[in-house]
Amino acid sequence: MNSDFSTNWTTQLRKGILELCILNTLSRERQYGYEIVRSLSAIDGLVISEGTIYPLLNRLKRDLLVSTSFEESSGGPPRKYYELTDKGREQTQWMNEYWQRLLLGVEGLRTEATP
């Protein structure tokens, strides 16, 4: 196994599905950034940090897929909460459907390739 190739491939795969994971996390309920990081950190193999997630959240906000609001916190400064917009819900549904089709196609290839 080529270590450089494997590292690059897994990095690109994680980057590619990270937005879908964020949107799916927010489809359940609005969350602040650290909650999103915690939720996604529970996924084996999905390496995530606050430094990775905030640029993506900002882009999703610019694309009008998420909105933000601030709420006072009992344990510190106000928290910035993220939630899906209607456009974000539609995009999440489309992305999930596309992901499912892609997953089924790849699984079909894997099954056909297995001796």
PDB file of N, CA and C in Angstrom:
ATOM      1  N   MET A   1       0.850  -1.182   0.000  1.00  0.00           N
ATOM      2  CA  MET A   1       0.000   0.000   0.000  1.00  0.00           C
ATOM      3  C   MET A   1       0.891   1.239   0.000  1.00  0.00           C
ATOM      4  N   ASN A   2       0.602   2.189  -0.886  1.00  0.00           N
ATOM      5  CA  ASN A   2       1.342   3.433  -0.995  1.00  0.00           C
ATOM      6  C   ASN A   2       0.834   4.390   0.076  1.00  0.00           C
ATOM      7  N   SER A   3       1.667   4.686   1.054  1.00  0.00           N
ATOM      8  CA  SER A   3       1.264   5.507   2.187  1.00  0.00           C
ATOM      9  C   SER A   3       0.864   6.923   1.765  1.00  0.00           C
ATOM     10  N   ASP A   4       1.643   7.555   0.871  1.00  0.00           N
ATOM     11  CA  ASP A   4       1.314   8.905   0.415  1.00  0.00           C
ATOM     12  C   ASP A   4      -0.022   8.913  -0.321  1.00  0.00           C
ATOM     13  N   PHE A   5      -0.203   7.937  -1.193  1.00  0.00           N
ATOM     14  CA  PHE A   5      -1.461   7.841  -1.936  1.00  0.00           C
ATOM     15  C   PHE A   5      -2.631   7.646  -0.980  1.00  0.00           C
ATOM     16  N   SER A   6      -2.484   6.735  -0.031  1.00  0.00           N
ATOM     17  CA  SER A   6      -3.558   6.437   0.926  1.00  0.00           C
ATOM     18  C   SER A   6      -3.914   7.651   1.759  1.00  0.00           C
ATOM     19  N   THR A   7      -2.903   8.351   2.224  1.00  0.00           N
ATOM     20  CA  THR A   7      -3.134   9.548   3.030  1.00  0.00           C
ATOM     21  C   THR A   7      -3.874  10.599   2.219  1.00  0.00           C
ATOM     22  N   ASN A   8      -3.434  10.845   1.003  1.00  0.00           N
ATOM     23  CA  ASN A   8      -4.076  11.845   0.151  1.00  0.00           C
ATOM     24  C   ASN A   8      -5.509  11.432  -0.179  1.00  0.00           C
ATOM     25  N   TRP A   9      -5.721  10.162  -0.489  1.00  0.00           N
ATOM     26  CA  TRP A   9      -7.048   9.682  -0.860  1.00  0.00           C
ATOM     27  C   TRP A   9      -8.031   9.840   0.299  1.00  0.00           C
ATOM     28  N   THR A  10      -7.614   9.432   1.499  1.00  0.00           N
ATOM     29  CA  THR A  10      -8.532   9.542   2.647  1.00  0.00           C
ATOM     30  C   THR A  10      -8.801  11.003   2.989  1.00  0.00           C
ATOM     31  N   THR A  11      -7.801  11.862   2.851  1.00  0.00           N
ATOM     32  CA  THR A  11      -7.990  13.293   3.113  1.00  0.00           C
ATOM     33  C   THR A  11      -9.016  13.873   2.148  1.00  0.00           C
ATOM     34  N   GLN A  12      -8.878  13.564   0.866  1.00  0.00           N
ATOM     35  CA  GLN A  12      -9.813  14.078  -0.134  1.00  0.00           C
ATOM     36  C   GLN A  12     -11.225  13.526   0.084  1.00  0.00           C
ATOM     37  N   LEU A  13     -11.339  12.281   0.459  1.00  0.00           N
ATOM     38  CA  LEU A  13     -12.645  11.685   0.720  1.00  0.00           C
ATOM     39  C   LEU A  13     -13.323  12.378   1.901  1.00  0.00           C
ATOM     40  N   ARG A  14     -12.573  12.592   2.971  1.00  0.00           N
ATOM     41  CA  ARG A  14     -13.134  13.283   4.141  1.00  0.00           C
ATOM     42  C   ARG A  14     -13.581  14.695   3.781  1.00  0.00           C
ATOM     43  N   LYS A  15     -12.765  15.418   3.037  1.00  0.00           N
ATOM     44  CA  LYS A  15     -13.134  16.775   2.622  1.00  0.00           C
ATOM     45  C   LYS A  15     -14.418  16.759   1.813  1.00  0.00           C
ATOM     46  N   GLY A  16     -14.544  15.768   0.962  1.00  0.00           N
ATOM     47  CA  GLY A  16     -15.704  15.692   0.089  1.00  0.00           C
ATOM     48  C   GLY A  16     -17.011  15.431   0.809  1.00  0.00           C
ATOM     49  N   ILE A  17     -16.980  14.705   1.897  1.00  0.00           N
ATOM     50  CA  ILE A  17     -18.239  14.376   2.581  1.00  0.00           C
ATOM     51  C   ILE A  17     -18.486  15.234   3.824  1.00  0.00           C
ATOM     52  N   LEU A  18     -17.543  16.070   4.174  1.00  0.00           N
ATOM     53  CA  LEU A  18     -17.671  16.860   5.397  1.00  0.00           C
ATOM     54  C   LEU A  18     -18.876  17.794   5.353  1.00  0.00           C
ATOM     55  N   GLU A  19     -19.109  18.461   4.229  1.00  0.00           N
ATOM     56  CA  GLU A  19     -20.269  19.356   4.126  1.00  0.00           C
ATOM     57  C   GLU A  19     -21.566  18.585   4.317  1.00  0.00           C
ATOM     58  N   LEU A  20     -21.651  17.416   3.700  1.00  0.00           N
ATOM     59  CA  LEU A  20     -22.852  16.596   3.850  1.00  0.00           C
ATOM     60  C   LEU A  20     -23.050  16.214   5.316  1.00  0.00           C
ATOM     61  N   CYS A  21     -21.981  15.873   5.992  1.00  0.00           N
ATOM     62  CA  CYS A  21     -22.072  15.502   7.405  1.00  0.00           C
ATOM     63  C   CYS A  21     -22.526  16.696   8.252  1.00  0.00           C
ATOM     64  N   ILE A  22     -21.999  17.871   7.971  1.00  0.00           N
ATOM     65  CA  ILE A  22     -22.405  19.073   8.710  1.00  0.00           C
ATOM     66  C   ILE A  22     -23.886  19.347   8.485  1.00  0.00           C
ATOM     67  N   LEU A  23     -24.308  19.328   7.240  1.00  0.00           N
ATOM     68  CA  LEU A  23     -25.713  19.605   6.935  1.00  0.00           C
ATOM     69  C   LEU A  23     -26.634  18.575   7.575  1.00  0.00           C
ATOM     70  N   ASN A  24     -26.245  17.300   7.549  1.00  0.00           N
ATOM     71  CA  ASN A  24     -27.071  16.277   8.193  1.00  0.00           C
ATOM     72  C   ASN A  24     -27.132  16.471   9.701  1.00  0.00           C
ATOM     73  N   THR A  25     -26.026  16.882  10.295  1.00  0.00           N
ATOM     74  CA  THR A  25     -26.022  17.155  11.735  1.00  0.00           C
ATOM     75  C   THR A  25     -26.991  18.280  12.056  1.00  0.00           C
ATOM     76  N   LEU A  26     -26.987  19.318  11.237  1.00  0.00           N
ATOM     77  CA  LEU A  26     -27.870  20.459  11.477  1.00  0.00           C
ATOM     78  C   LEU A  26     -29.314  20.171  11.097  1.00  0.00           C
ATOM     79  N   SER A  27     -29.557  19.124  10.327  1.00  0.00           N
ATOM     80  CA  SER A  27     -30.943  18.793   9.963  1.00  0.00           C
ATOM     81  C   SER A  27     -31.713  18.268  11.170  1.00  0.00           C
ATOM     82  N   ARG A  28     -30.987  17.769  12.164  1.00  0.00           N
ATOM     83  CA  ARG A  28     -31.641  17.257  13.384  1.00  0.00           C
ATOM     84  C   ARG A  28     -32.032  18.391  14.318  1.00  0.00           C
ATOM     85  N   GLU A  29     -31.125  19.355  14.486  1.00  0.00           N
ATOM     86  CA  GLU A  29     -31.373  20.483  15.382  1.00  0.00           C
ATOM     87  C   GLU A  29     -30.286  21.535  15.175  1.00  0.00           C
ATOM     88  N   ARG A  30     -30.577  22.750  15.587  1.00  0.00           N
ATOM     89  CA  ARG A  30     -29.560  23.790  15.498  1.00  0.00           C
ATOM     90  C   ARG A  30     -28.485  23.503  16.533  1.00  0.00           C
ATOM     91  N   GLN A  31     -27.270  23.845  16.205  1.00  0.00           N
ATOM     92  CA  GLN A  31     -26.149  23.554  17.103  1.00  0.00           C
ATOM     93  C   GLN A  31     -25.118  24.674  16.997  1.00  0.00           C
ATOM     94  N   TYR A  32     -24.321  24.801  18.029  1.00  0.00           N
ATOM     95  CA  TYR A  32     -23.181  25.714  17.940  1.00  0.00           C
ATOM     96  C   TYR A  32     -21.967  24.910  17.485  1.00  0.00           C
ATOM     97  N   GLY A  33     -20.943  25.618  17.056  1.00  0.00           N
ATOM     98  CA  GLY A  33     -19.801  24.995  16.403  1.00  0.00           C
ATOM     99  C   GLY A  33     -19.191  23.824  17.138  1.00  0.00           C
ATOM    100  N   TYR A  34     -18.936  23.984  18.429  1.00  0.00           N
ATOM    101  CA  TYR A  34     -18.288  22.910  19.167  1.00  0.00           C
ATOM    102  C   TYR A  34     -19.173  21.668  19.235  1.00  0.00           C
ATOM    103  N   GLU A  35     -20.493  21.844  19.300  1.00  0.00           N
ATOM    104  CA  GLU A  35     -21.402  20.689  19.289  1.00  0.00           C
ATOM    105  C   GLU A  35     -21.291  19.924  17.972  1.00  0.00           C
ATOM    106  N   ILE A  36     -21.156  20.670  16.882  1.00  0.00           N
ATOM    107  CA  ILE A  36     -21.012  20.035  15.571  1.00  0.00           C
ATOM    108  C   ILE A  36     -19.718  19.233  15.532  1.00  0.00           C
ATOM    109  N   VAL A  37     -18.640  19.830  16.022  1.00  0.00           N
ATOM    110  CA  VAL A  37     -17.345  19.135  16.059  1.00  0.00           C
ATOM    111  C   VAL A  37     -17.467  17.850  16.872  1.00  0.00           C
ATOM    112  N   ARG A  38     -18.103  17.921  18.025  1.00  0.00           N
ATOM    113  CA  ARG A  38     -18.282  16.730  18.867  1.00  0.00           C
ATOM    114  C   ARG A  38     -19.087  15.656  18.157  1.00  0.00           C
ATOM    115  N   SER A  39     -20.184  16.056  17.506  1.00  0.00           N
ATOM    116  CA  SER A  39     -21.019  15.081  16.785  1.00  0.00           C
ATOM    117  C   SER A  39     -20.225  14.383  15.694  1.00  0.00           C
ATOM    118  N   LEU A  40     -19.475  15.157  14.928  1.00  0.00           N
ATOM    119  CA  LEU A  40     -18.745  14.591  13.802  1.00  0.00           C
ATOM    120  C   LEU A  40     -17.517  13.812  14.251  1.00  0.00           C
ATOM    121  N   SER A  41     -16.953  14.172  15.381  1.00  0.00           N
ATOM    122  CA  SER A  41     -15.786  13.455  15.897  1.00  0.00           C
ATOM    123  C   SER A  41     -16.129  12.019  16.275  1.00  0.00           C
ATOM    124  N   ALA A  42     -17.404  11.752  16.491  1.00  0.00           N
ATOM    125  CA  ALA A  42     -17.831  10.400  16.855  1.00  0.00           C
ATOM    126  C   ALA A  42     -17.791   9.451  15.654  1.00  0.00           C
ATOM    127  N   ILE A  43     -17.652  10.003  14.444  1.00  0.00           N
ATOM    128  CA  ILE A  43     -17.605   9.169  13.244  1.00  0.00           C
ATOM    129  C   ILE A  43     -16.178   8.677  13.052  1.00  0.00           C
ATOM    130  N   ASP A  44     -16.003   7.365  13.105  1.00  0.00           N
ATOM    131  CA  ASP A  44     -14.688   6.755  12.961  1.00  0.00           C
ATOM    132  C   ASP A  44     -14.082   7.132  11.608  1.00  0.00           C
ATOM    133  N   GLY A  45     -12.876   7.667  11.627  1.00  0.00           N
ATOM    134  CA  GLY A  45     -12.172   8.005  10.396  1.00  0.00           C
ATOM    135  C   GLY A  45     -12.401   9.425   9.915  1.00  0.00           C
ATOM    136  N   LEU A  46     -13.382  10.124  10.466  1.00  0.00           N
ATOM    137  CA  LEU A  46     -13.650  11.504  10.061  1.00  0.00           C
ATOM    138  C   LEU A  46     -12.926  12.432  11.031  1.00  0.00           C
ATOM    139  N   VAL A  47     -11.746  12.851  10.629  1.00  0.00           N
ATOM    140  CA  VAL A  47     -10.923  13.715  11.475  1.00  0.00           C
ATOM    141  C   VAL A  47     -11.416  15.144  11.302  1.00  0.00           C
ATOM    142  N   ILE A  48     -11.810  15.770  12.403  1.00  0.00           N
ATOM    143  CA  ILE A  48     -12.388  17.110  12.333  1.00  0.00           C
ATOM    144  C   ILE A  48     -11.891  17.952  13.496  1.00  0.00           C
ATOM    145  N   SER A  49     -11.743  19.234  13.238  1.00  0.00           N
ATOM    146  CA  SER A  49     -11.366  20.164  14.301  1.00  0.00           C
ATOM    147  C   SER A  49     -12.143  21.452  14.095  1.00  0.00           C
ATOM    148  N   GLU A  50     -12.110  22.314  15.092  1.00  0.00           N
ATOM    149  CA  GLU A  50     -12.795  23.595  14.969  1.00  0.00           C
ATOM    150  C   GLU A  50     -12.190  24.417  13.837  1.00  0.00           C
ATOM    151  N   GLY A  51     -10.888  24.281  13.627  1.00  0.00           N
ATOM    152  CA  GLY A  51     -10.227  25.009  12.550  1.00  0.00           C
ATOM    153  C   GLY A  51     -10.681  24.562  11.172  1.00  0.00           C
ATOM    154  N   THR A  52     -11.179  23.356  11.078  1.00  0.00           N
ATOM    155  CA  THR A  52     -11.691  22.828   9.812  1.00  0.00           C
ATOM    156  C   THR A  52     -13.137  23.225   9.596  1.00  0.00           C
ATOM    157  N   ILE A  53     -13.910  23.219  10.661  1.00  0.00           N
ATOM    158  CA  ILE A  53     -15.348  23.359  10.514  1.00  0.00           C
ATOM    159  C   ILE A  53     -15.814  24.799  10.307  1.00  0.00           C
ATOM    160  N   TYR A  54     -15.169  25.765  10.961  1.00  0.00           N
ATOM    161  CA  TYR A  54     -15.664  27.135  10.872  1.00  0.00           C
ATOM    162  C   TYR A  54     -15.567  27.736   9.474  1.00  0.00           C
ATOM    163  N   PRO A  55     -14.507  27.505   8.718  1.00  0.00           N
ATOM    164  CA  PRO A  55     -14.514  27.999   7.330  1.00  0.00           C
ATOM    165  C   PRO A  55     -15.646  27.383   6.501  1.00  0.00           C
ATOM    166  N   LEU A  56     -15.938  26.107   6.726  1.00  0.00           N
ATOM    167  CA  LEU A  56     -17.041  25.463   6.005  1.00  0.00           C
ATOM    168  C   LEU A  56     -18.393  26.046   6.422  1.00  0.00           C
ATOM    169  N   LEU A  57     -18.571  26.271   7.710  1.00  0.00           N
ATOM    170  CA  LEU A  57     -19.822  26.870   8.186  1.00  0.00           C
ATOM    171  C   LEU A  57     -20.005  28.269   7.601  1.00  0.00           C
ATOM    172  N   ASN A  58     -18.919  29.034   7.521  1.00  0.00           N
ATOM    173  CA  ASN A  58     -19.010  30.372   6.933  1.00  0.00           C
ATOM    174  C   ASN A  58     -19.395  30.305   5.461  1.00  0.00           C
ATOM    175  N   ARG A  59     -18.841  29.339   4.735  1.00  0.00           N
ATOM    176  CA  ARG A  59     -19.194  29.186   3.327  1.00  0.00           C
ATOM    177  C   ARG A  59     -20.643  28.745   3.171  1.00  0.00           C
ATOM    178  N   LEU A  60     -21.087  27.825   4.031  1.00  0.00           N
ATOM    179  CA  LEU A  60     -22.483  27.391   3.978  1.00  0.00           C
ATOM    180  C   LEU A  60     -23.427  28.557   4.279  1.00  0.00           C
ATOM    181  N   LYS A  61     -23.000  29.457   5.141  1.00  0.00           N
ATOM    182  CA  LYS A  61     -23.797  30.644   5.443  1.00  0.00           C
ATOM    183  C   LYS A  61     -23.826  31.578   4.238  1.00  0.00           C
ATOM    184  N   ARG A  62     -22.667  31.793   3.608  1.00  0.00           N
ATOM    185  CA  ARG A  62     -22.610  32.636   2.399  1.00  0.00           C
ATOM    186  C   ARG A  62     -23.496  32.070   1.291  1.00  0.00           C
ATOM    187  N   ASP A  63     -23.563  30.744   1.215  1.00  0.00           N
ATOM    188  CA  ASP A  63     -24.385  30.083   0.201  1.00  0.00           C
ATOM    189  C   ASP A  63     -25.861  30.009   0.607  1.00  0.00           C
ATOM    190  N   LEU A  64     -26.186  30.604   1.749  1.00  0.00           N
ATOM    191  CA  LEU A  64     -27.553  30.672   2.273  1.00  0.00           C
ATOM    192  C   LEU A  64     -28.143  29.313   2.630  1.00  0.00           C
ATOM    193  N   LEU A  65     -27.267  28.360   2.953  1.00  0.00           N
ATOM    194  CA  LEU A  65     -27.725  27.034   3.366  1.00  0.00           C
ATOM    195  C   LEU A  65     -27.918  26.952   4.871  1.00  0.00           C
ATOM    196  N   VAL A  66     -27.217  27.798   5.617  1.00  0.00           N
ATOM    197  CA  VAL A  66     -27.388  27.873   7.068  1.00  0.00           C
ATOM    198  C   VAL A  66     -27.556  29.333   7.467  1.00  0.00           C
ATOM    199  N   SER A  67     -28.211  29.530   8.587  1.00  0.00           N
ATOM    200  CA  SER A  67     -28.323  30.854   9.182  1.00  0.00           C
ATOM    201  C   SER A  67     -27.729  30.777  10.577  1.00  0.00           C
ATOM    202  N   THR A  68     -27.436  31.917  11.153  1.00  0.00           N
ATOM    203  CA  THR A  68     -26.824  31.948  12.480  1.00  0.00           C
ATOM    204  C   THR A  68     -27.626  32.848  13.413  1.00  0.00           C
ATOM    205  N   SER A  69     -27.489  32.560  14.679  1.00  0.00           N
ATOM    206  CA  SER A  69     -28.071  33.398  15.722  1.00  0.00           C
ATOM    207  C   SER A  69     -27.199  33.252  16.966  1.00  0.00           C
ATOM    208  N   PHE A  70     -27.215  34.266  17.788  1.00  0.00           N
ATOM    209  CA  PHE A  70     -26.442  34.227  19.024  1.00  0.00           C
ATOM    210  C   PHE A  70     -27.376  34.010  20.196  1.00  0.00           C
ATOM    211  N   GLU A  71     -26.885  33.235  21.158  1.00  0.00           N
ATOM    212  CA  GLU A  71     -27.659  32.968  22.364  1.00  0.00           C
ATOM    213  C   GLU A  71     -26.725  33.060  23.560  1.00  0.00           C
ATOM    214  N   GLU A  72     -27.201  33.685  24.594  1.00  0.00           N
ATOM    215  CA  GLU A  72     -26.402  33.803  25.814  1.00  0.00           C
ATOM    216  C   GLU A  72     -26.083  32.417  26.364  1.00  0.00           C
ATOM    217  N   SER A  73     -24.890  32.306  26.932  1.00  0.00           N
ATOM    218  CA  SER A  73     -24.455  31.045  27.524  1.00  0.00           C
ATOM    219  C   SER A  73     -24.246  31.251  29.011  1.00  0.00           C
ATOM    220  N   SER A  74     -24.660  30.281  29.797  1.00  0.00           N
ATOM    221  CA  SER A  74     -24.479  30.389  31.246  1.00  0.00           C
ATOM    222  C   SER A  74     -23.015  30.222  31.635  1.00  0.00           C
ATOM    223  N   GLY A  75     -22.230  29.609  30.762  1.00  0.00           N
ATOM    224  CA  GLY A  75     -20.839  29.333  31.102  1.00  0.00           C
ATOM    225  C   GLY A  75     -19.825  30.142  30.326  1.00  0.00           C
ATOM    226  N   GLY A  76     -20.180  31.333  29.857  1.00  0.00           N
ATOM    227  CA  GLY A  76     -19.209  32.115  29.110  1.00  0.00           C
ATOM    228  C   GLY A  76     -19.862  33.066  28.139  1.00  0.00           C
ATOM    229  N   PRO A  77     -19.143  33.376  27.068  1.00  0.00           N
ATOM    230  CA  PRO A  77     -19.675  34.340  26.090  1.00  0.00           C
ATOM    231  C   PRO A  77     -20.853  33.750  25.316  1.00  0.00           C
ATOM    232  N   PRO A  78     -21.615  34.612  24.635  1.00  0.00           N
ATOM    233  CA  PRO A  78     -22.732  34.104  23.824  1.00  0.00           C
ATOM    234  C   PRO A  78     -22.239  33.099  22.788  1.00  0.00           C
ATOM    235  N   ARG A  79     -23.084  32.139  22.484  1.00  0.00           N
ATOM    236  CA  ARG A  79     -22.739  31.106  21.500  1.00  0.00           C
ATOM    237  C   ARG A  79     -23.417  31.409  20.169  1.00  0.00           C
ATOM    238  N   LYS A  80     -22.688  31.131  19.111  1.00  0.00           N
ATOM    239  CA  LYS A  80     -23.222  31.298  17.766  1.00  0.00           C
ATOM    240  C   LYS A  80     -23.813  29.963  17.322  1.00  0.00           C
ATOM    241  N   TYR A  81     -25.110  29.950  17.119  1.00  0.00           N
ATOM    242  CA  TYR A  81     -25.806  28.734  16.702  1.00  0.00           C
ATOM    243  C   TYR A  81     -26.018  28.744  15.194  1.00  0.00           C
ATOM    244  N   TYR A  82     -25.935  27.569  14.616  1.00  0.00           N
ATOM    245  CA  TYR A  82     -26.145  27.377  13.179  1.00  0.00           C
ATOM    246  C   TYR A  82     -27.377  26.514  12.991  1.00  0.00           C
ATOM    247  N   GLU A  83     -28.184  26.869  11.990  1.00  0.00           N
ATOM    248  CA  GLU A  83     -29.335  26.036  11.652  1.00  0.00           C
ATOM    249  C   GLU A  83     -29.575  26.099  10.150  1.00  0.00           C
ATOM    250  N   LEU A  84     -30.194  25.049   9.642  1.00  0.00           N
ATOM    251  CA  LEU A  84     -30.470  24.989   8.221  1.00  0.00           C
ATOM    252  C   LEU A  84     -31.550  25.986   7.828  1.00  0.00           C
ATOM    253  N   THR A  85     -31.385  26.581   6.668  1.00  0.00           N
ATOM    254  CA  THR A  85     -32.438  27.382   6.066  1.00  0.00           C
ATOM    255  C   THR A  85     -33.301  26.434   5.230  1.00  0.00           C
ATOM    256  N   ASP A  86     -34.384  26.951   4.676  1.00  0.00           N
ATOM    257  CA  ASP A  86     -35.199  26.118   3.782  1.00  0.00           C
ATOM    258  C   ASP A  86     -34.357  25.660   2.597  1.00  0.00           C
ATOM    259  N   LYS A  87     -33.556  26.562   2.061  1.00  0.00           N
ATOM    260  CA  LYS A  87     -32.666  26.201   0.947  1.00  0.00           C
ATOM    261  C   LYS A  87     -31.679  25.123   1.397  1.00  0.00           C
ATOM    262  N   GLY A  88     -31.198  25.231   2.634  1.00  0.00           N
ATOM    263  CA  GLY A  88     -30.280  24.236   3.175  1.00  0.00           C
ATOM    264  C   GLY A  88     -30.924  22.876   3.322  1.00  0.00           C
ATOM    265  N   ARG A  89     -32.196  22.848   3.716  1.00  0.00           N
ATOM    266  CA  ARG A  89     -32.921  21.570   3.830  1.00  0.00           C
ATOM    267  C   ARG A  89     -33.089  20.918   2.458  1.00  0.00           C
ATOM    268  N   GLU A  90     -33.431  21.727   1.462  1.00  0.00           N
ATOM    269  CA  GLU A  90     -33.568  21.197   0.107  1.00  0.00           C
ATOM    270  C   GLU A  90     -32.238  20.663  -0.407  1.00  0.00           C
ATOM    271  N   GLN A  91     -31.169  21.425  -0.178  1.00  0.00           N
ATOM    272  CA  GLN A  91     -29.841  21.008  -0.640  1.00  0.00           C
ATOM    273  C   GLN A  91     -29.394  19.730   0.074  1.00  0.00           C
ATOM    274  N   THR A  92     -29.671  19.638   1.364  1.00  0.00           N
ATOM    275  CA  THR A  92     -29.315  18.448   2.137  1.00  0.00           C
ATOM    276  C   THR A  92     -30.049  17.228   1.603  1.00  0.00           C
ATOM    277  N   GLN A  93     -31.317  17.389   1.291  1.00  0.00           N
ATOM    278  CA  GLN A  93     -32.092  16.269   0.744  1.00  0.00           C
ATOM    279  C   GLN A  93     -31.499  15.833  -0.598  1.00  0.00           C
ATOM    280  N   TRP A  94     -31.197  16.789  -1.465  1.00  0.00           N
ATOM    281  CA  TRP A  94     -30.612  16.458  -2.763  1.00  0.00           C
ATOM    282  C   TRP A  94     -29.267  15.754  -2.590  1.00  0.00           C
ATOM    283  N   MET A  95     -28.423  16.288  -1.689  1.00  0.00           N
ATOM    284  CA  MET A  95     -27.103  15.697  -1.460  1.00  0.00           C
ATOM    285  C   MET A  95     -27.220  14.285  -0.910  1.00  0.00           C
ATOM    286  N   ASN A  96     -28.168  14.055  -0.009  1.00  0.00           N
ATOM    287  CA  ASN A  96     -28.373  12.710   0.541  1.00  0.00           C
ATOM    288  C   ASN A  96     -28.832  11.733  -0.533  1.00  0.00           C
ATOM    289  N   GLU A  97     -29.714  12.185  -1.407  1.00  0.00           N
ATOM    290  CA  GLU A  97     -30.168  11.317  -2.494  1.00  0.00           C
ATOM    291  C   GLU A  97     -29.012  10.999  -3.443  1.00  0.00           C
ATOM    292  N   TYR A  98     -28.221  11.999  -3.770  1.00  0.00           N
ATOM    293  CA  TYR A  98     -27.072  11.787  -4.642  1.00  0.00           C
ATOM    294  C   TYR A  98     -26.073  10.833  -3.991  1.00  0.00           C
ATOM    295  N   TRP A  99     -25.791  11.057  -2.711  1.00  0.00           N
ATOM    296  CA  TRP A  99     -24.873  10.205  -1.957  1.00  0.00           C
ATOM    297  C   TRP A  99     -25.356   8.755  -1.969  1.00  0.00           C
ATOM    298  N   GLN A 100     -26.652   8.554  -1.778  1.00  0.00           N
ATOM    299  CA  GLN A 100     -27.208   7.200  -1.757  1.00  0.00           C
ATOM    300  C   GLN A 100     -27.033   6.516  -3.111  1.00  0.00           C
ATOM    301  N   ARG A 101     -27.297   7.259  -4.197  1.00  0.00           N
ATOM    302  CA  ARG A 101     -27.107   6.685  -5.532  1.00  0.00           C
ATOM    303  C   ARG A 101     -25.642   6.333  -5.762  1.00  0.00           C
ATOM    304  N   LEU A 102     -24.750   7.218  -5.371  1.00  0.00           N
ATOM    305  CA  LEU A 102     -23.316   6.986  -5.536  1.00  0.00           C
ATOM    306  C   LEU A 102     -22.866   5.787  -4.708  1.00  0.00           C
ATOM    307  N   LEU A 103     -23.320   5.728  -3.474  1.00  0.00           N
ATOM    308  CA  LEU A 103     -22.968   4.627  -2.590  1.00  0.00           C
ATOM    309  C   LEU A 103     -23.433   3.286  -3.149  1.00  0.00           C
ATOM    310  N   LEU A 104     -24.654   3.245  -3.650  1.00  0.00           N
ATOM    311  CA  LEU A 104     -25.170   2.004  -4.241  1.00  0.00           C
ATOM    312  C   LEU A 104     -24.368   1.603  -5.476  1.00  0.00           C
ATOM    313  N   GLY A 105     -24.003   2.584  -6.290  1.00  0.00           N
ATOM    314  CA  GLY A 105     -23.204   2.288  -7.480  1.00  0.00           C
ATOM    315  C   GLY A 105     -21.829   1.758  -7.130  1.00  0.00           C
ATOM    316  N   VAL A 106     -21.179   2.381  -6.162  1.00  0.00           N
ATOM    317  CA  VAL A 106     -19.848   1.926  -5.741  1.00  0.00           C
ATOM    318  C   VAL A 106     -19.952   0.544  -5.105  1.00  0.00           C
ATOM    319  N   GLU A 107     -20.963   0.334  -4.298  1.00  0.00           N
ATOM    320  CA  GLU A 107     -21.140  -0.980  -3.674  1.00  0.00           C
ATOM    321  C   GLU A 107     -21.377  -2.049  -4.727  1.00  0.00           C
ATOM    322  N   GLY A 108     -22.121  -1.697  -5.774  1.00  0.00           N
ATOM    323  CA  GLY A 108     -22.321  -2.643  -6.861  1.00  0.00           C
ATOM    324  C   GLY A 108     -21.005  -3.011  -7.543  1.00  0.00           C
ATOM    325  N   LEU A 109     -20.142  -2.033  -7.736  1.00  0.00           N
ATOM    326  CA  LEU A 109     -18.827  -2.305  -8.320  1.00  0.00           C
ATOM    327  C   LEU A 109     -18.002  -3.197  -7.402  1.00  0.00           C
ATOM    328  N   ARG A 110     -18.056  -2.900  -6.102  1.00  0.00           N
ATOM    329  CA  ARG A 110     -17.287  -3.709  -5.147  1.00  0.00           C
ATOM    330  C   ARG A 110     -17.776  -5.150  -5.145  1.00  0.00           C
ATOM    331  N   THR A 111     -19.089  -5.341  -5.195  1.00  0.00           N
ATOM    332  CA  THR A 111     -19.663  -6.674  -5.180  1.00  0.00           C
ATOM    333  C   THR A 111     -19.298  -7.453  -6.432  1.00  0.00           C
ATOM    334  N   GLU A 112     -19.334  -6.757  -7.578  1.00  0.00           N
ATOM    335  CA  GLU A 112     -18.969  -7.407  -8.837  1.00  0.00           C
ATOM    336  C   GLU A 112     -17.497  -7.767  -8.874  1.00  0.00           C
ATOM    337  N   ALA A 113     -16.657  -6.974  -8.202  1.00  0.00           N
ATOM    338  CA  ALA A 113     -15.206  -7.198  -8.234  1.00  0.00           C
ATOM    339  C   ALA A 113     -14.771  -8.273  -7.256  1.00  0.00           C
ATOM    340  N   THR A 114     -15.596  -8.603  -6.292  1.00  0.00           N
ATOM    341  CA  THR A 114     -15.237  -9.597  -5.290  1.00  0.00           C
ATOM    342  C   THR A 114     -15.332 -10.999  -5.885  1.00  0.00           C
ATOM    343  N   PRO A 115     -14.234 -11.764  -5.828  1.00  0.00           N
ATOM    344  CA  PRO A 115     -14.268 -13.128  -6.390  1.00  0.00           C
ATOM    345  C   PRO A 115     -15.099 -14.074  -5.560  1.00  0.00           C
TER     346      PRO A 115
END
